[in-house]
Amino acid sequence: MNPIAEPSAVDELSARQLAGQRIVCGFDGRRAPQSLLRVVERGELAGVILFADNVRSKAQVARLSGALQATARPEGLRQPVIVSVDQE
């Protein structure tokens, strides 16, 4: 048996993208800002955390989550964008 590992899609990610996949951030408002979507698109952010000011209704959160998930990302990033909620 030859233990040579096959190339992985993750091998194509930059150090900045690999580091970004450990970062979740918040934002102001009920829509994801274009600047945040660009960072997601570049693969430099794993996801977002929603706070009370980001949430109006279930439908609005569903639309917001859908917009985040619809953002095209580098091929090596197959997992969904993380959408978490701060609930206290």
N, C-alpha and C. Protein backbone atom coordinates (compact mmCIF):
# COMPACT_ATOMS: atom_id res chain seq x y z
N MET A 1 0.83 -1.19 0.00
CA MET A 1 0.00 0.00 0.00
C MET A 1 0.87 1.25 0.00
N ASN A 2 0.45 2.20 -0.79
CA ASN A 2 1.15 3.47 -0.86
C ASN A 2 0.36 4.51 -0.07
N PRO A 3 0.93 5.03 1.03
CA PRO A 3 0.18 5.97 1.89
C PRO A 3 0.18 7.41 1.39
N ILE A 4 0.30 7.62 0.10
CA ILE A 4 0.30 8.99 -0.43
C ILE A 4 -1.13 9.53 -0.39
N ALA A 5 -1.28 10.67 0.27
CA ALA A 5 -2.60 11.29 0.39
C ALA A 5 -2.99 11.97 -0.92
N GLU A 6 -4.23 11.84 -1.26
CA GLU A 6 -4.74 12.53 -2.44
C GLU A 6 -4.92 14.00 -2.12
N PRO A 7 -4.75 14.87 -3.12
CA PRO A 7 -4.94 16.31 -2.87
C PRO A 7 -6.37 16.60 -2.42
N SER A 8 -6.49 17.55 -1.53
CA SER A 8 -7.78 17.95 -1.00
C SER A 8 -8.12 19.36 -1.51
N ALA A 9 -9.40 19.67 -1.60
CA ALA A 9 -9.82 21.02 -2.01
C ALA A 9 -9.30 22.05 -1.01
N VAL A 10 -9.14 21.66 0.24
CA VAL A 10 -8.63 22.57 1.27
C VAL A 10 -7.20 22.99 0.95
N ASP A 11 -6.46 22.13 0.25
CA ASP A 11 -5.08 22.46 -0.11
C ASP A 11 -5.02 23.70 -0.99
N GLU A 12 -6.12 24.03 -1.65
CA GLU A 12 -6.16 25.18 -2.54
C GLU A 12 -6.46 26.49 -1.81
N LEU A 13 -6.80 26.43 -0.53
CA LEU A 13 -7.15 27.63 0.23
C LEU A 13 -5.89 28.34 0.70
N SER A 14 -5.96 29.67 0.74
CA SER A 14 -4.84 30.47 1.24
C SER A 14 -4.82 30.43 2.77
N ALA A 15 -3.73 30.89 3.33
CA ALA A 15 -3.63 30.97 4.79
C ALA A 15 -4.72 31.89 5.34
N ARG A 16 -5.01 32.97 4.64
CA ARG A 16 -6.06 33.91 5.06
C ARG A 16 -7.43 33.24 5.08
N GLN A 17 -7.71 32.41 4.06
CA GLN A 17 -8.98 31.69 4.02
C GLN A 17 -9.06 30.64 5.12
N LEU A 18 -7.97 29.91 5.33
CA LEU A 18 -7.97 28.90 6.39
C LEU A 18 -8.19 29.54 7.76
N ALA A 19 -7.53 30.67 8.00
CA ALA A 19 -7.73 31.38 9.27
C ALA A 19 -9.16 31.90 9.37
N GLY A 20 -9.70 32.42 8.28
CA GLY A 20 -11.05 32.98 8.28
C GLY A 20 -12.11 31.94 8.59
N GLN A 21 -11.83 30.68 8.35
CA GLN A 21 -12.81 29.63 8.62
C GLN A 21 -12.92 29.31 10.11
N ARG A 22 -12.23 30.09 10.91
CA ARG A 22 -12.35 29.97 12.36
C ARG A 22 -12.96 31.23 12.98
N ILE A 23 -13.46 32.12 12.13
CA ILE A 23 -13.98 33.41 12.59
C ILE A 23 -15.47 33.53 12.30
N VAL A 24 -16.22 33.97 13.31
CA VAL A 24 -17.64 34.28 13.20
C VAL A 24 -17.78 35.71 13.71
N CYS A 25 -18.53 36.55 13.00
CA CYS A 25 -18.66 37.94 13.45
C CYS A 25 -20.11 38.39 13.44
N GLY A 26 -20.37 39.46 14.14
CA GLY A 26 -21.67 40.10 14.15
C GLY A 26 -21.66 41.30 13.21
N PHE A 27 -22.83 41.89 13.01
CA PHE A 27 -22.95 43.07 12.16
C PHE A 27 -24.17 43.86 12.59
N ASP A 28 -24.24 45.10 12.16
CA ASP A 28 -25.39 45.96 12.48
C ASP A 28 -26.47 45.79 11.42
N GLY A 29 -27.71 45.86 11.85
CA GLY A 29 -28.83 45.86 10.91
C GLY A 29 -29.46 44.49 10.71
N ARG A 30 -30.48 44.47 9.86
CA ARG A 30 -31.25 43.24 9.60
C ARG A 30 -30.89 42.60 8.27
N ARG A 31 -29.96 43.19 7.55
CA ARG A 31 -29.44 42.63 6.30
C ARG A 31 -27.93 42.53 6.42
N ALA A 32 -27.38 41.51 5.80
CA ALA A 32 -25.92 41.38 5.78
C ALA A 32 -25.34 42.47 4.89
N PRO A 33 -24.43 43.28 5.42
CA PRO A 33 -23.83 44.33 4.60
C PRO A 33 -23.04 43.73 3.42
N GLN A 34 -22.97 44.47 2.34
CA GLN A 34 -22.22 44.00 1.17
C GLN A 34 -20.76 43.71 1.53
N SER A 35 -20.18 44.51 2.41
CA SER A 35 -18.79 44.28 2.81
C SER A 35 -18.63 42.92 3.48
N LEU A 36 -19.60 42.51 4.28
CA LEU A 36 -19.57 41.20 4.94
C LEU A 36 -19.74 40.09 3.90
N LEU A 37 -20.66 40.27 2.97
CA LEU A 37 -20.87 39.27 1.92
C LEU A 37 -19.62 39.09 1.06
N ARG A 38 -18.89 40.17 0.82
CA ARG A 38 -17.64 40.06 0.04
C ARG A 38 -16.60 39.23 0.80
N VAL A 39 -16.53 39.41 2.12
CA VAL A 39 -15.58 38.63 2.93
C VAL A 39 -15.98 37.15 2.91
N VAL A 40 -17.27 36.87 3.03
CA VAL A 40 -17.76 35.49 2.93
C VAL A 40 -17.42 34.93 1.55
N GLU A 41 -17.64 35.71 0.51
CA GLU A 41 -17.38 35.28 -0.86
C GLU A 41 -15.90 34.94 -1.08
N ARG A 42 -15.03 35.68 -0.43
CA ARG A 42 -13.59 35.40 -0.55
C ARG A 42 -13.17 34.21 0.30
N GLY A 43 -14.09 33.69 1.12
CA GLY A 43 -13.76 32.55 1.97
C GLY A 43 -12.99 32.93 3.22
N GLU A 44 -13.11 34.19 3.64
CA GLU A 44 -12.33 34.68 4.77
C GLU A 44 -13.16 34.84 6.04
N LEU A 45 -14.35 34.23 6.06
CA LEU A 45 -15.22 34.29 7.23
C LEU A 45 -16.07 33.03 7.26
N ALA A 46 -16.11 32.38 8.43
CA ALA A 46 -16.87 31.13 8.54
C ALA A 46 -18.36 31.38 8.70
N GLY A 47 -18.73 32.50 9.34
CA GLY A 47 -20.15 32.74 9.55
C GLY A 47 -20.42 33.99 10.36
N VAL A 48 -21.67 34.09 10.80
CA VAL A 48 -22.12 35.26 11.55
C VAL A 48 -22.84 34.83 12.82
N ILE A 49 -22.94 35.77 13.74
CA ILE A 49 -23.76 35.59 14.92
C ILE A 49 -24.80 36.70 14.90
N LEU A 50 -26.05 36.31 15.09
CA LEU A 50 -27.15 37.28 15.09
C LEU A 50 -27.49 37.67 16.52
N PHE A 51 -27.69 38.96 16.71
CA PHE A 51 -28.11 39.51 18.00
C PHE A 51 -29.53 40.05 17.85
N ALA A 52 -30.13 40.50 18.93
CA ALA A 52 -31.52 40.97 18.92
C ALA A 52 -31.76 42.03 17.84
N ASP A 53 -30.80 42.94 17.64
CA ASP A 53 -30.97 44.00 16.65
C ASP A 53 -30.95 43.49 15.20
N ASN A 54 -30.52 42.25 15.01
CA ASN A 54 -30.50 41.66 13.67
C ASN A 54 -31.79 40.93 13.33
N VAL A 55 -32.65 40.72 14.33
CA VAL A 55 -33.81 39.84 14.16
C VAL A 55 -35.12 40.62 14.28
N ARG A 56 -35.98 40.47 13.26
CA ARG A 56 -37.31 41.05 13.31
C ARG A 56 -38.37 39.96 13.35
N SER A 57 -38.19 38.93 12.51
CA SER A 57 -39.17 37.86 12.40
C SER A 57 -38.49 36.59 11.89
N LYS A 58 -39.22 35.47 11.98
CA LYS A 58 -38.69 34.21 11.43
C LYS A 58 -38.43 34.35 9.94
N ALA A 59 -39.37 34.96 9.23
CA ALA A 59 -39.23 35.11 7.78
C ALA A 59 -38.00 35.95 7.42
N GLN A 60 -37.77 37.02 8.17
CA GLN A 60 -36.62 37.89 7.90
C GLN A 60 -35.32 37.13 8.16
N VAL A 61 -35.26 36.35 9.23
CA VAL A 61 -34.05 35.57 9.53
C VAL A 61 -33.85 34.50 8.45
N ALA A 62 -34.92 33.91 7.98
CA ALA A 62 -34.82 32.91 6.90
C ALA A 62 -34.25 33.55 5.64
N ARG A 63 -34.71 34.76 5.31
CA ARG A 63 -34.19 35.46 4.13
C ARG A 63 -32.71 35.80 4.32
N LEU A 64 -32.37 36.29 5.48
CA LEU A 64 -30.98 36.64 5.79
C LEU A 64 -30.09 35.41 5.69
N SER A 65 -30.52 34.32 6.29
CA SER A 65 -29.76 33.08 6.23
C SER A 65 -29.62 32.59 4.79
N GLY A 66 -30.70 32.69 4.03
CA GLY A 66 -30.68 32.29 2.63
C GLY A 66 -29.69 33.11 1.81
N ALA A 67 -29.65 34.41 2.07
CA ALA A 67 -28.71 35.28 1.35
C ALA A 67 -27.27 34.90 1.68
N LEU A 68 -27.01 34.59 2.93
CA LEU A 68 -25.66 34.16 3.32
C LEU A 68 -25.29 32.84 2.65
N GLN A 69 -26.22 31.89 2.66
CA GLN A 69 -25.93 30.58 2.07
C GLN A 69 -25.79 30.66 0.56
N ALA A 70 -26.46 31.61 -0.08
CA ALA A 70 -26.40 31.76 -1.53
C ALA A 70 -25.12 32.43 -2.01
N THR A 71 -24.35 32.96 -1.10
CA THR A 71 -23.10 33.64 -1.47
C THR A 71 -22.10 32.61 -1.99
N ALA A 72 -21.63 32.81 -3.20
CA ALA A 72 -20.64 31.89 -3.79
C ALA A 72 -19.34 31.99 -3.00
N ARG A 73 -18.75 30.83 -2.74
CA ARG A 73 -17.49 30.79 -2.00
C ARG A 73 -16.47 29.94 -2.76
N PRO A 74 -15.19 30.02 -2.36
CA PRO A 74 -14.18 29.20 -3.03
C PRO A 74 -14.55 27.71 -2.99
N GLU A 75 -14.10 26.99 -4.00
CA GLU A 75 -14.48 25.59 -4.16
C GLU A 75 -14.12 24.73 -2.95
N GLY A 76 -13.06 25.02 -2.26
CA GLY A 76 -12.65 24.22 -1.12
C GLY A 76 -13.55 24.36 0.09
N LEU A 77 -14.47 25.32 0.06
CA LEU A 77 -15.37 25.56 1.19
C LEU A 77 -16.75 25.02 0.86
N ARG A 78 -16.99 23.80 1.23
CA ARG A 78 -18.26 23.15 0.88
C ARG A 78 -19.29 23.22 2.00
N GLN A 79 -18.84 23.45 3.22
CA GLN A 79 -19.76 23.50 4.35
C GLN A 79 -20.59 24.78 4.29
N PRO A 80 -21.81 24.75 4.82
CA PRO A 80 -22.64 25.97 4.84
C PRO A 80 -21.99 27.07 5.70
N VAL A 81 -22.35 28.29 5.40
CA VAL A 81 -21.93 29.41 6.24
C VAL A 81 -22.61 29.23 7.59
N ILE A 82 -21.86 29.43 8.67
CA ILE A 82 -22.42 29.29 10.01
C ILE A 82 -23.32 30.49 10.31
N VAL A 83 -24.53 30.23 10.78
CA VAL A 83 -25.43 31.28 11.24
C VAL A 83 -25.81 30.91 12.66
N SER A 84 -25.30 31.68 13.63
CA SER A 84 -25.58 31.39 15.03
C SER A 84 -26.38 32.55 15.64
N VAL A 85 -26.98 32.27 16.78
CA VAL A 85 -27.83 33.26 17.44
C VAL A 85 -27.40 33.43 18.88
N ASP A 86 -27.26 34.67 19.31
CA ASP A 86 -26.97 34.98 20.70
C ASP A 86 -28.30 35.04 21.43
N GLN A 87 -28.52 34.10 22.32
CA GLN A 87 -29.77 34.07 23.06
C GLN A 87 -29.46 34.06 24.56
N GLU A 88 -29.91 35.09 25.23
CA GLU A 88 -29.67 35.17 26.67
C GLU A 88 -30.96 35.31 27.41
